Amino acid sequence: MSSPLASPASRRGFLLVVLAALCWGTAGFSGRIVAERTGLRPLDIAWHRMAIGAAALLVGYLVTRRRRRDLVRTPLTRGIVVRLLLIGAGLGAYQLAYFAAVAKVGVSISTLIALGLAPLLIAVGATVLGHGRPDRATVVALVVALVGLVLLVGVSAGADTGTSVLLGALLAVGSALGYAMVTLAGVGVPAGVPVALAGFAGGALLLTPVALVVGLHVTTEPVSLALLIYLGVVPSAVAYGLFFTGLQTVPGAVASIVTLLEPLTGTALATAFLGERLEVAALAGGLLVLAAVAGLYVRRLRESASVARTAAWTAPLDPSDSPDAASRADA
């Protein structure tokens, strides 16, 4: 069986998913600062992120529209429309549950639980949907990464008890379900479809009635407003654009493991700037997550090199290079 990252396009997609995960890692940190400075609720922050992200993606789509005129337009079939609706619903639910979890248990634990469970949910979902079972390298990387996340979560949450932590953990699980839906629905969508734009626009539309009923709060505080714009542009519009582009060539199970870089980044930022300290065992867990992602990528590169060498050795010779051709030419 050939490697899922054997082609140059797949390796490029892998790196795009890595960049997306690193951008995502700053989202919880940014949202937490906004909440502390303004008192905005999780629903307010989630709505701002979705709405600003949709606006930024729309601007980008309109700016690059002329460049895409030469591309073959992809017809919106019923299957694609259903996928886009699922992505929008998953994004809206994922953002709302995530920021609610952050408000309850902090950035580190929320991000680690949400993104730690996601690879398992995506692997199970892909198998149920008939996308095939993950190969051995992916399973090993998943197990190593989850062990690292167990260390991170266990040590970070060891001193916390009570219903607040339980509720925060359940909200993080709900966030993981939303993220898994987004990833599974986004795999295989044709390149000509603006998946990120459709997803963020759909998510914003779904959250808007809820926000209006509950009462939407906004802010004019300069630092918080700048952070909300950053939240909507970088870890949202840019990151999801990179992510969905990467999913065109990277299997969902592999992408879900790579995105474990997000909780690692979020935990590092929370530790450095928000006072959420990690013990030595938790640090070891973070290193295991890094090792899982790096090991998976190195293995894919080696498999790609092996496939290339095999192809070179088994490729048919050019008739002009054969000894018989040379002797005929001399004659």
C-alpha atoms as a PDB file:
ATOM      1  CA  MET A   1       0.000   0.000   0.000  1.00  0.00           C
ATOM      2  CA  SER A   2       1.403   3.386  -0.944  1.00  0.00           C
ATOM      3  CA  SER A   3       1.998   6.071   1.621  1.00  0.00           C
ATOM      4  CA  PRO A   4      -0.741   8.689   2.017  1.00  0.00           C
ATOM      5  CA  LEU A   5       1.980  11.348   1.924  1.00  0.00           C
ATOM      6  CA  ALA A   6       4.094   9.968  -0.897  1.00  0.00           C
ATOM      7  CA  SER A   7       3.469  12.761  -3.399  1.00  0.00           C
ATOM      8  CA  PRO A   8       4.896  16.303  -3.260  1.00  0.00           C
ATOM      9  CA  ALA A   9       1.346  17.675  -3.116  1.00  0.00           C
ATOM     10  CA  SER A  10       0.628  15.549  -0.033  1.00  0.00           C
ATOM     11  CA  ARG A  11       3.808  16.701   1.710  1.00  0.00           C
ATOM     12  CA  ARG A  12       2.890  20.311   0.937  1.00  0.00           C
ATOM     13  CA  GLY A  13      -0.572  19.661   2.346  1.00  0.00           C
ATOM     14  CA  PHE A  14       1.006  18.200   5.487  1.00  0.00           C
ATOM     15  CA  LEU A  15       3.023  21.384   6.046  1.00  0.00           C
ATOM     16  CA  LEU A  16      -0.091  23.524   5.472  1.00  0.00           C
ATOM     17  CA  VAL A  17      -1.896  21.581   8.205  1.00  0.00           C
ATOM     18  CA  VAL A  18       1.110  22.115  10.520  1.00  0.00           C
ATOM     19  CA  LEU A  19       0.964  25.885   9.934  1.00  0.00           C
ATOM     20  CA  ALA A  20      -2.792  25.863  10.534  1.00  0.00           C
ATOM     21  CA  ALA A  21      -2.357  24.036  13.848  1.00  0.00           C
ATOM     22  CA  LEU A  22       0.276  26.502  15.036  1.00  0.00           C
ATOM     23  CA  CYS A  23      -2.053  29.409  14.203  1.00  0.00           C
ATOM     24  CA  TRP A  24      -4.955  27.713  15.988  1.00  0.00           C
ATOM     25  CA  GLY A  25      -2.834  27.367  19.100  1.00  0.00           C
ATOM     26  CA  THR A  26      -3.084  31.128  19.655  1.00  0.00           C
ATOM     27  CA  ALA A  27      -6.910  31.210  19.583  1.00  0.00           C
ATOM     28  CA  GLY A  28      -7.633  30.164  23.165  1.00  0.00           C
ATOM     29  CA  PHE A  29      -4.940  32.464  24.476  1.00  0.00           C
ATOM     30  CA  SER A  30      -6.359  35.438  22.543  1.00  0.00           C
ATOM     31  CA  GLY A  31      -9.939  34.684  23.546  1.00  0.00           C
ATOM     32  CA  ARG A  32      -8.991  34.346  27.213  1.00  0.00           C
ATOM     33  CA  ILE A  33      -7.320  37.782  27.224  1.00  0.00           C
ATOM     34  CA  VAL A  34     -10.384  39.350  25.570  1.00  0.00           C
ATOM     35  CA  ALA A  35     -12.683  37.776  28.149  1.00  0.00           C
ATOM     36  CA  GLU A  36     -10.554  38.980  31.058  1.00  0.00           C
ATOM     37  CA  ARG A  37     -10.297  42.540  29.719  1.00  0.00           C
ATOM     38  CA  THR A  38     -13.928  43.005  28.639  1.00  0.00           C
ATOM     39  CA  GLY A  39     -16.104  40.390  30.296  1.00  0.00           C
ATOM     40  CA  LEU A  40     -17.351  39.141  26.925  1.00  0.00           C
ATOM     41  CA  ARG A  41     -18.998  35.724  27.152  1.00  0.00           C
ATOM     42  CA  PRO A  42     -17.978  32.598  25.182  1.00  0.00           C
ATOM     43  CA  LEU A  43     -20.899  33.128  22.783  1.00  0.00           C
ATOM     44  CA  ASP A  44     -19.809  36.724  22.118  1.00  0.00           C
ATOM     45  CA  ILE A  45     -16.223  35.688  21.395  1.00  0.00           C
ATOM     46  CA  ALA A  46     -17.269  32.733  19.220  1.00  0.00           C
ATOM     47  CA  TRP A  47     -19.640  34.952  17.204  1.00  0.00           C
ATOM     48  CA  HIS A  48     -16.960  37.609  16.664  1.00  0.00           C
ATOM     49  CA  ARG A  49     -14.489  34.969  15.519  1.00  0.00           C
ATOM     50  CA  MET A  50     -16.935  33.428  13.042  1.00  0.00           C
ATOM     51  CA  ALA A  51     -18.237  36.749  11.696  1.00  0.00           C
ATOM     52  CA  ILE A  52     -14.825  38.402  11.316  1.00  0.00           C
ATOM     53  CA  GLY A  53     -13.401  35.210   9.840  1.00  0.00           C
ATOM     54  CA  ALA A  54     -16.224  35.026   7.289  1.00  0.00           C
ATOM     55  CA  ALA A  55     -15.700  38.680   6.326  1.00  0.00           C
ATOM     56  CA  ALA A  56     -11.938  38.194   5.919  1.00  0.00           C
ATOM     57  CA  LEU A  57     -12.447  35.065   3.808  1.00  0.00           C
ATOM     58  CA  LEU A  58     -15.011  36.857   1.637  1.00  0.00           C
ATOM     59  CA  VAL A  59     -12.564  39.704   0.981  1.00  0.00           C
ATOM     60  CA  GLY A  60      -9.869  37.208   0.065  1.00  0.00           C
ATOM     61  CA  TYR A  61     -12.247  35.334  -2.220  1.00  0.00           C
ATOM     62  CA  LEU A  62     -13.275  38.505  -4.060  1.00  0.00           C
ATOM     63  CA  VAL A  63      -9.675  39.723  -4.396  1.00  0.00           C
ATOM     64  CA  THR A  64      -8.506  36.434  -5.928  1.00  0.00           C
ATOM     65  CA  ARG A  65     -11.622  35.864  -8.052  1.00  0.00           C
ATOM     66  CA  ARG A  66      -9.967  36.994 -11.287  1.00  0.00           C
ATOM     67  CA  ARG A  67      -7.049  34.672 -10.704  1.00  0.00           C
ATOM     68  CA  ARG A  68      -9.430  31.722 -10.438  1.00  0.00           C
ATOM     69  CA  ARG A  69     -11.292  32.389 -13.677  1.00  0.00           C
ATOM     70  CA  ASP A  70      -8.945  30.066 -15.528  1.00  0.00           C
ATOM     71  CA  LEU A  71      -9.751  27.214 -13.147  1.00  0.00           C
ATOM     72  CA  VAL A  72     -12.472  24.702 -13.929  1.00  0.00           C
ATOM     73  CA  ARG A  73     -15.536  25.582 -11.902  1.00  0.00           C
ATOM     74  CA  THR A  74     -16.737  22.789  -9.640  1.00  0.00           C
ATOM     75  CA  PRO A  75     -20.515  22.239  -9.719  1.00  0.00           C
ATOM     76  CA  LEU A  76     -22.187  22.300  -6.300  1.00  0.00           C
ATOM     77  CA  THR A  77     -23.715  18.849  -6.117  1.00  0.00           C
ATOM     78  CA  ARG A  78     -26.052  17.784  -3.340  1.00  0.00           C
ATOM     79  CA  GLY A  79     -23.233  15.898  -1.620  1.00  0.00           C
ATOM     80  CA  ILE A  80     -20.965  18.957  -1.583  1.00  0.00           C
ATOM     81  CA  VAL A  81     -23.761  21.170  -0.232  1.00  0.00           C
ATOM     82  CA  VAL A  82     -24.414  18.696   2.594  1.00  0.00           C
ATOM     83  CA  ARG A  83     -20.708  18.663   3.434  1.00  0.00           C
ATOM     84  CA  LEU A  84     -20.586  22.467   3.546  1.00  0.00           C
ATOM     85  CA  LEU A  85     -23.634  22.592   5.845  1.00  0.00           C
ATOM     86  CA  LEU A  86     -22.015  20.064   8.180  1.00  0.00           C
ATOM     87  CA  ILE A  87     -18.785  22.084   8.185  1.00  0.00           C
ATOM     88  CA  GLY A  88     -20.666  25.274   9.069  1.00  0.00           C
ATOM     89  CA  ALA A  89     -22.597  23.576  11.876  1.00  0.00           C
ATOM     90  CA  GLY A  90     -19.462  21.876  13.176  1.00  0.00           C
ATOM     91  CA  LEU A  91     -17.461  25.104  13.168  1.00  0.00           C
ATOM     92  CA  GLY A  92     -20.166  27.015  15.034  1.00  0.00           C
ATOM     93  CA  ALA A  93     -20.587  24.290  17.666  1.00  0.00           C
ATOM     94  CA  TYR A  94     -16.844  23.776  17.986  1.00  0.00           C
ATOM     95  CA  GLN A  95     -16.100  27.456  18.616  1.00  0.00           C
ATOM     96  CA  LEU A  96     -18.945  27.972  21.095  1.00  0.00           C
ATOM     97  CA  ALA A  97     -18.151  24.845  23.121  1.00  0.00           C
ATOM     98  CA  TYR A  98     -14.430  25.583  23.068  1.00  0.00           C
ATOM     99  CA  PHE A  99     -14.623  29.128  24.420  1.00  0.00           C
ATOM    100  CA  ALA A 100     -17.183  27.987  27.016  1.00  0.00           C
ATOM    101  CA  ALA A 101     -14.727  25.309  28.160  1.00  0.00           C
ATOM    102  CA  VAL A 102     -11.907  27.876  28.315  1.00  0.00           C
ATOM    103  CA  ALA A 103     -14.060  30.020  30.609  1.00  0.00           C
ATOM    104  CA  LYS A 104     -14.574  27.039  32.944  1.00  0.00           C
ATOM    105  CA  VAL A 105     -11.212  25.279  33.106  1.00  0.00           C
ATOM    106  CA  GLY A 106      -8.686  27.482  31.285  1.00  0.00           C
ATOM    107  CA  VAL A 107      -6.850  27.343  27.984  1.00  0.00           C
ATOM    108  CA  SER A 108      -4.551  24.385  28.632  1.00  0.00           C
ATOM    109  CA  ILE A 109      -7.047  21.766  29.769  1.00  0.00           C
ATOM    110  CA  SER A 110      -9.756  22.850  27.292  1.00  0.00           C
ATOM    111  CA  THR A 111      -7.448  22.754  24.279  1.00  0.00           C
ATOM    112  CA  LEU A 112      -5.785  19.518  25.306  1.00  0.00           C
ATOM    113  CA  ILE A 113      -9.057  17.646  25.834  1.00  0.00           C
ATOM    114  CA  ALA A 114     -10.745  19.034  22.721  1.00  0.00           C
ATOM    115  CA  LEU A 115      -7.855  18.360  20.363  1.00  0.00           C
ATOM    116  CA  GLY A 116      -6.658  15.262  22.196  1.00  0.00           C
ATOM    117  CA  LEU A 117      -9.946  13.445  21.646  1.00  0.00           C
ATOM    118  CA  ALA A 118     -10.337  14.653  18.068  1.00  0.00           C
ATOM    119  CA  PRO A 119      -7.882  12.194  16.416  1.00  0.00           C
ATOM    120  CA  LEU A 120      -9.607   9.231  18.050  1.00  0.00           C
ATOM    121  CA  LEU A 121     -13.063  10.483  17.028  1.00  0.00           C
ATOM    122  CA  ILE A 122     -11.870  11.167  13.476  1.00  0.00           C
ATOM    123  CA  ALA A 123     -10.182   7.756  13.147  1.00  0.00           C
ATOM    124  CA  VAL A 124     -13.341   6.002  14.362  1.00  0.00           C
ATOM    125  CA  GLY A 125     -15.560   8.187  12.185  1.00  0.00           C
ATOM    126  CA  ALA A 126     -13.444   7.565   9.085  1.00  0.00           C
ATOM    127  CA  THR A 127     -13.659   3.809   9.666  1.00  0.00           C
ATOM    128  CA  VAL A 128     -17.438   3.926  10.183  1.00  0.00           C
ATOM    129  CA  LEU A 129     -17.878   6.010   7.021  1.00  0.00           C
ATOM    130  CA  GLY A 130     -15.867   3.490   5.011  1.00  0.00           C
ATOM    131  CA  HIS A 131     -12.791   5.645   4.421  1.00  0.00           C
ATOM    132  CA  GLY A 132     -10.512   2.761   5.379  1.00  0.00           C
ATOM    133  CA  ARG A 133      -8.599   1.902   8.514  1.00  0.00           C
ATOM    134  CA  PRO A 134      -5.537   4.012   9.432  1.00  0.00           C
ATOM    135  CA  ASP A 135      -2.206   2.347   8.687  1.00  0.00           C
ATOM    136  CA  ARG A 136       0.186   1.152  11.391  1.00  0.00           C
ATOM    137  CA  ALA A 137       2.340   4.305  11.404  1.00  0.00           C
ATOM    138  CA  THR A 138      -0.725   6.488  11.918  1.00  0.00           C
ATOM    139  CA  VAL A 139      -1.997   4.267  14.761  1.00  0.00           C
ATOM    140  CA  VAL A 140       1.391   4.317  16.522  1.00  0.00           C
ATOM    141  CA  ALA A 141       1.626   8.105  16.185  1.00  0.00           C
ATOM    142  CA  LEU A 142      -1.922   8.417  17.536  1.00  0.00           C
ATOM    143  CA  VAL A 143      -1.182   6.254  20.577  1.00  0.00           C
ATOM    144  CA  VAL A 144       2.040   8.137  21.385  1.00  0.00           C
ATOM    145  CA  ALA A 145       0.325  11.501  21.002  1.00  0.00           C
ATOM    146  CA  LEU A 146      -2.608  10.464  23.197  1.00  0.00           C
ATOM    147  CA  VAL A 147      -0.248   9.199  25.903  1.00  0.00           C
ATOM    148  CA  GLY A 148       1.428  12.593  25.823  1.00  0.00           C
ATOM    149  CA  LEU A 149      -1.928  14.330  26.099  1.00  0.00           C
ATOM    150  CA  VAL A 150      -2.963  12.116  29.030  1.00  0.00           C
ATOM    151  CA  LEU A 151       0.188  13.226  30.841  1.00  0.00           C
ATOM    152  CA  LEU A 152      -0.520  16.853  30.006  1.00  0.00           C
ATOM    153  CA  VAL A 153      -4.176  16.769  31.038  1.00  0.00           C
ATOM    154  CA  GLY A 154      -3.673  14.549  34.070  1.00  0.00           C
ATOM    155  CA  VAL A 155      -0.948  16.679  35.601  1.00  0.00           C
ATOM    156  CA  SER A 156      -2.572  19.992  34.666  1.00  0.00           C
ATOM    157  CA  ALA A 157      -5.961  19.034  36.076  1.00  0.00           C
ATOM    158  CA  GLY A 158      -4.729  16.926  38.977  1.00  0.00           C
ATOM    159  CA  ALA A 159      -5.306  19.615  41.579  1.00  0.00           C
ATOM    160  CA  ASP A 160      -8.765  20.630  40.295  1.00  0.00           C
ATOM    161  CA  THR A 161     -12.005  19.039  41.472  1.00  0.00           C
ATOM    162  CA  GLY A 162     -15.679  19.847  41.389  1.00  0.00           C
ATOM    163  CA  THR A 163     -18.516  20.295  38.928  1.00  0.00           C
ATOM    164  CA  SER A 164     -16.843  23.239  37.194  1.00  0.00           C
ATOM    165  CA  VAL A 165     -14.010  21.051  35.932  1.00  0.00           C
ATOM    166  CA  LEU A 166     -16.434  18.301  34.927  1.00  0.00           C
ATOM    167  CA  LEU A 167     -18.613  20.743  32.996  1.00  0.00           C
ATOM    168  CA  GLY A 168     -15.556  22.275  31.340  1.00  0.00           C
ATOM    169  CA  ALA A 169     -14.337  18.817  30.325  1.00  0.00           C
ATOM    170  CA  LEU A 170     -17.743  17.928  28.858  1.00  0.00           C
ATOM    171  CA  LEU A 171     -17.790  21.185  26.900  1.00  0.00           C
ATOM    172  CA  ALA A 172     -14.316  20.364  25.578  1.00  0.00           C
ATOM    173  CA  VAL A 173     -15.588  16.934  24.495  1.00  0.00           C
ATOM    174  CA  GLY A 174     -18.426  18.666  22.636  1.00  0.00           C
ATOM    175  CA  SER A 175     -15.831  20.870  20.973  1.00  0.00           C
ATOM    176  CA  ALA A 176     -13.912  17.754  19.913  1.00  0.00           C
ATOM    177  CA  LEU A 177     -17.078  16.338  18.334  1.00  0.00           C
ATOM    178  CA  GLY A 178     -17.601  19.558  16.375  1.00  0.00           C
ATOM    179  CA  TYR A 179     -13.995  19.564  15.182  1.00  0.00           C
ATOM    180  CA  ALA A 180     -14.226  15.914  14.137  1.00  0.00           C
ATOM    181  CA  MET A 181     -17.335  16.718  12.086  1.00  0.00           C
ATOM    182  CA  VAL A 182     -15.513  19.579  10.350  1.00  0.00           C
ATOM    183  CA  THR A 183     -12.515  17.404   9.493  1.00  0.00           C
ATOM    184  CA  LEU A 184     -14.495  14.407   8.234  1.00  0.00           C
ATOM    185  CA  ALA A 185     -16.858  16.566   6.176  1.00  0.00           C
ATOM    186  CA  GLY A 186     -13.969  18.589   4.721  1.00  0.00           C
ATOM    187  CA  VAL A 187     -11.984  15.606   3.420  1.00  0.00           C
ATOM    188  CA  GLY A 188     -12.348  15.190  -0.318  1.00  0.00           C
ATOM    189  CA  VAL A 189     -14.176  18.446  -1.097  1.00  0.00           C
ATOM    190  CA  PRO A 190     -12.985  19.541  -4.585  1.00  0.00           C
ATOM    191  CA  ALA A 191     -10.343  22.272  -4.812  1.00  0.00           C
ATOM    192  CA  GLY A 192     -12.621  24.744  -6.562  1.00  0.00           C
ATOM    193  CA  VAL A 193     -15.049  24.985  -3.639  1.00  0.00           C
ATOM    194  CA  PRO A 194     -14.393  27.797  -1.073  1.00  0.00           C
ATOM    195  CA  VAL A 195     -14.792  25.479   1.907  1.00  0.00           C
ATOM    196  CA  ALA A 196     -13.472  27.822   4.594  1.00  0.00           C
ATOM    197  CA  LEU A 197     -15.650  30.715   3.414  1.00  0.00           C
ATOM    198  CA  ALA A 198     -18.765  28.558   3.275  1.00  0.00           C
ATOM    199  CA  GLY A 199     -18.007  27.043   6.675  1.00  0.00           C
ATOM    200  CA  PHE A 200     -17.417  30.328   8.472  1.00  0.00           C
ATOM    201  CA  ALA A 201     -20.372  32.045   6.796  1.00  0.00           C
ATOM    202  CA  GLY A 202     -22.621  29.124   7.716  1.00  0.00           C
ATOM    203  CA  GLY A 203     -21.314  29.017  11.279  1.00  0.00           C
ATOM    204  CA  ALA A 204     -21.804  32.773  11.714  1.00  0.00           C
ATOM    205  CA  LEU A 205     -25.361  32.541  10.395  1.00  0.00           C
ATOM    206  CA  LEU A 206     -26.153  29.727  12.819  1.00  0.00           C
ATOM    207  CA  LEU A 207     -24.723  31.597  15.829  1.00  0.00           C
ATOM    208  CA  THR A 208     -26.301  34.966  15.001  1.00  0.00           C
ATOM    209  CA  PRO A 209     -29.919  34.147  16.025  1.00  0.00           C
ATOM    210  CA  VAL A 210     -28.694  32.583  19.273  1.00  0.00           C
ATOM    211  CA  ALA A 211     -26.500  35.602  20.024  1.00  0.00           C
ATOM    212  CA  LEU A 212     -29.335  38.016  19.315  1.00  0.00           C
ATOM    213  CA  VAL A 213     -31.787  36.122  21.535  1.00  0.00           C
ATOM    214  CA  VAL A 214     -29.355  35.855  24.427  1.00  0.00           C
ATOM    215  CA  GLY A 215     -28.056  39.383  23.876  1.00  0.00           C
ATOM    216  CA  LEU A 216     -24.901  40.017  21.867  1.00  0.00           C
ATOM    217  CA  HIS A 217     -22.195  42.021  23.632  1.00  0.00           C
ATOM    218  CA  VAL A 218     -19.519  43.960  21.739  1.00  0.00           C
ATOM    219  CA  THR A 219     -16.502  45.984  22.811  1.00  0.00           C
ATOM    220  CA  THR A 220     -14.693  49.131  21.722  1.00  0.00           C
ATOM    221  CA  GLU A 221     -11.688  48.608  23.995  1.00  0.00           C
ATOM    222  CA  PRO A 222      -8.718  48.981  21.589  1.00  0.00           C
ATOM    223  CA  VAL A 223      -6.580  46.024  22.682  1.00  0.00           C
ATOM    224  CA  SER A 224      -9.521  43.631  22.880  1.00  0.00           C
ATOM    225  CA  LEU A 225     -10.877  44.824  19.541  1.00  0.00           C
ATOM    226  CA  ALA A 226      -7.482  44.246  17.948  1.00  0.00           C
ATOM    227  CA  LEU A 227      -7.338  40.757  19.457  1.00  0.00           C
ATOM    228  CA  LEU A 228     -10.824  39.945  18.159  1.00  0.00           C
ATOM    229  CA  ILE A 229      -9.763  41.021  14.666  1.00  0.00           C
ATOM    230  CA  TYR A 230      -6.616  38.910  15.006  1.00  0.00           C
ATOM    231  CA  LEU A 231      -8.752  35.993  16.228  1.00  0.00           C
ATOM    232  CA  GLY A 232     -11.014  36.267  13.188  1.00  0.00           C
ATOM    233  CA  VAL A 233      -8.199  36.672  10.658  1.00  0.00           C
ATOM    234  CA  VAL A 234      -5.124  34.626  11.627  1.00  0.00           C
ATOM    235  CA  PRO A 235      -6.295  31.542  13.595  1.00  0.00           C
ATOM    236  CA  SER A 236      -9.581  31.568  11.674  1.00  0.00           C
ATOM    237  CA  ALA A 237      -9.583  32.809   8.062  1.00  0.00           C
ATOM    238  CA  VAL A 238      -5.902  32.127   7.355  1.00  0.00           C
ATOM    239  CA  ALA A 239      -5.580  28.939   9.398  1.00  0.00           C
ATOM    240  CA  TYR A 240      -8.749  27.273   8.140  1.00  0.00           C
ATOM    241  CA  GLY A 241      -7.883  28.254   4.579  1.00  0.00           C
ATOM    242  CA  LEU A 242      -4.557  26.440   5.023  1.00  0.00           C
ATOM    243  CA  PHE A 243      -6.248  23.514   6.743  1.00  0.00           C
ATOM    244  CA  PHE A 244      -8.903  22.840   4.117  1.00  0.00           C
ATOM    245  CA  THR A 245      -6.310  23.206   1.356  1.00  0.00           C
ATOM    246  CA  GLY A 246      -4.160  20.631   3.151  1.00  0.00           C
ATOM    247  CA  LEU A 247      -7.131  18.261   3.528  1.00  0.00           C
ATOM    248  CA  GLN A 248      -7.357  17.996  -0.260  1.00  0.00           C
ATOM    249  CA  THR A 249      -4.245  15.804  -0.210  1.00  0.00           C
ATOM    250  CA  VAL A 250      -3.824  14.705   3.438  1.00  0.00           C
ATOM    251  CA  PRO A 251      -5.999  11.948   5.001  1.00  0.00           C
ATOM    252  CA  GLY A 252      -8.209  13.093   7.877  1.00  0.00           C
ATOM    253  CA  ALA A 253      -6.589  10.690  10.358  1.00  0.00           C
ATOM    254  CA  VAL A 254      -3.108  12.065   9.591  1.00  0.00           C
ATOM    255  CA  ALA A 255      -4.314  15.673   9.712  1.00  0.00           C
ATOM    256  CA  SER A 256      -5.952  15.102  13.092  1.00  0.00           C
ATOM    257  CA  ILE A 257      -2.650  13.938  14.586  1.00  0.00           C
ATOM    258  CA  VAL A 258      -0.749  16.889  13.147  1.00  0.00           C
ATOM    259  CA  THR A 259      -3.278  19.304  14.647  1.00  0.00           C
ATOM    260  CA  LEU A 260      -2.255  18.070  18.094  1.00  0.00           C
ATOM    261  CA  LEU A 261       0.337  20.810  17.726  1.00  0.00           C
ATOM    262  CA  GLU A 262      -2.501  23.203  18.531  1.00  0.00           C
ATOM    263  CA  PRO A 263      -2.979  22.152  22.177  1.00  0.00           C
ATOM    264  CA  LEU A 264       0.774  22.068  22.613  1.00  0.00           C
ATOM    265  CA  THR A 265       1.049  25.655  21.329  1.00  0.00           C
ATOM    266  CA  GLY A 266      -1.919  26.800  23.395  1.00  0.00           C
ATOM    267  CA  THR A 267      -0.513  25.200  26.543  1.00  0.00           C
ATOM    268  CA  ALA A 268       2.884  26.812  25.983  1.00  0.00           C
ATOM    269  CA  LEU A 269       1.293  30.264  25.602  1.00  0.00           C
ATOM    270  CA  ALA A 270      -0.943  29.768  28.636  1.00  0.00           C
ATOM    271  CA  THR A 271       2.045  28.671  30.692  1.00  0.00           C
ATOM    272  CA  ALA A 272       4.209  31.583  29.578  1.00  0.00           C
ATOM    273  CA  PHE A 273       1.659  34.403  29.807  1.00  0.00           C
ATOM    274  CA  LEU A 274      -1.405  33.287  31.782  1.00  0.00           C
ATOM    275  CA  GLY A 275       0.248  31.550  34.718  1.00  0.00           C
ATOM    276  CA  GLU A 276      -1.081  28.054  33.882  1.00  0.00           C
ATOM    277  CA  ARG A 277       1.953  26.095  35.056  1.00  0.00           C
ATOM    278  CA  LEU A 278       2.998  22.633  33.880  1.00  0.00           C
ATOM    279  CA  GLU A 279       4.875  20.025  35.885  1.00  0.00           C
ATOM    280  CA  VAL A 280       7.819  17.989  34.553  1.00  0.00           C
ATOM    281  CA  ALA A 281       5.540  15.060  33.661  1.00  0.00           C
ATOM    282  CA  ALA A 282       3.270  17.408  31.708  1.00  0.00           C
ATOM    283  CA  LEU A 283       6.288  18.759  29.845  1.00  0.00           C
ATOM    284  CA  ALA A 284       7.242  15.186  28.981  1.00  0.00           C
ATOM    285  CA  GLY A 285       3.741  14.720  27.606  1.00  0.00           C
ATOM    286  CA  GLY A 286       4.175  17.739  25.382  1.00  0.00           C
ATOM    287  CA  LEU A 287       7.438  16.329  24.055  1.00  0.00           C
ATOM    288  CA  LEU A 288       5.653  13.053  23.238  1.00  0.00           C
ATOM    289  CA  VAL A 289       3.108  14.974  21.171  1.00  0.00           C
ATOM    290  CA  LEU A 290       5.926  16.671  19.277  1.00  0.00           C
ATOM    291  CA  ALA A 291       7.649  13.329  18.783  1.00  0.00           C
ATOM    292  CA  ALA A 292       4.459  11.763  17.394  1.00  0.00           C
ATOM    293  CA  VAL A 293       3.954  14.505  14.805  1.00  0.00           C
ATOM    294  CA  ALA A 294       7.626  14.716  13.834  1.00  0.00           C
ATOM    295  CA  GLY A 295       7.981  10.925  13.699  1.00  0.00           C
ATOM    296  CA  LEU A 296       4.959  10.590  11.449  1.00  0.00           C
ATOM    297  CA  TYR A 297       6.287  13.185   9.030  1.00  0.00           C
ATOM    298  CA  VAL A 298       9.819  11.681   8.949  1.00  0.00           C
ATOM    299  CA  ARG A 299       8.363   8.253   8.256  1.00  0.00           C
ATOM    300  CA  ARG A 300       6.282   9.626   5.401  1.00  0.00           C
ATOM    301  CA  LEU A 301       9.349  11.313   3.914  1.00  0.00           C
ATOM    302  CA  ARG A 302      11.285   8.039   4.080  1.00  0.00           C
ATOM    303  CA  GLU A 303       8.415   6.128   2.472  1.00  0.00           C
ATOM    304  CA  SER A 304       8.247   8.761  -0.256  1.00  0.00           C
ATOM    305  CA  ALA A 305      11.981   8.427  -0.923  1.00  0.00           C
ATOM    306  CA  SER A 306      11.669   4.626  -0.991  1.00  0.00           C
ATOM    307  CA  VAL A 307       8.788   4.803  -3.482  1.00  0.00           C
ATOM    308  CA  ALA A 308      10.809   7.173  -5.676  1.00  0.00           C
ATOM    309  CA  ARG A 309      13.828   4.848  -5.650  1.00  0.00           C
ATOM    310  CA  THR A 310      11.686   1.822  -6.470  1.00  0.00           C
ATOM    311  CA  ALA A 311      10.064   3.678  -9.347  1.00  0.00           C
ATOM    312  CA  ALA A 312      13.481   4.665 -10.694  1.00  0.00           C
ATOM    313  CA  TRP A 313      14.761   1.080 -10.581  1.00  0.00           C
ATOM    314  CA  THR A 314      11.651  -0.458 -12.125  1.00  0.00           C
ATOM    315  CA  ALA A 315      11.024   2.177 -14.801  1.00  0.00           C
ATOM    316  CA  PRO A 316      11.443   0.829 -18.348  1.00  0.00           C
ATOM    317  CA  LEU A 317      14.647   1.844 -20.046  1.00  0.00           C
ATOM    318  CA  ASP A 318      14.589   4.290 -22.939  1.00  0.00           C
ATOM    319  CA  PRO A 319      15.037   2.173 -26.094  1.00  0.00           C
ATOM    320  CA  SER A 320      17.898   4.406 -27.148  1.00  0.00           C
ATOM    321  CA  ASP A 321      19.790   3.493 -23.933  1.00  0.00           C
ATOM    322  CA  SER A 322      19.698  -0.286 -24.522  1.00  0.00           C
ATOM    323  CA  PRO A 323      22.856  -2.167 -25.686  1.00  0.00           C
ATOM    324  CA  ASP A 324      21.007  -3.542 -28.688  1.00  0.00           C
ATOM    325  CA  ALA A 325      20.065  -0.068 -29.827  1.00  0.00           C
ATOM    326  CA  ALA A 326      23.687   1.051 -29.509  1.00  0.00           C
ATOM    327  CA  SER A 327      24.961  -1.898 -31.575  1.00  0.00           C
ATOM    328  CA  ARG A 328      22.338  -1.227 -34.243  1.00  0.00           C
ATOM    329  CA  ALA A 329      23.398   2.391 -34.401  1.00  0.00           C
ATOM    330  CA  ASP A 330      27.047   1.370 -34.855  1.00  0.00           C
ATOM    331  CA  ALA A 331      26.075  -0.983 -37.664  1.00  0.00           C
END
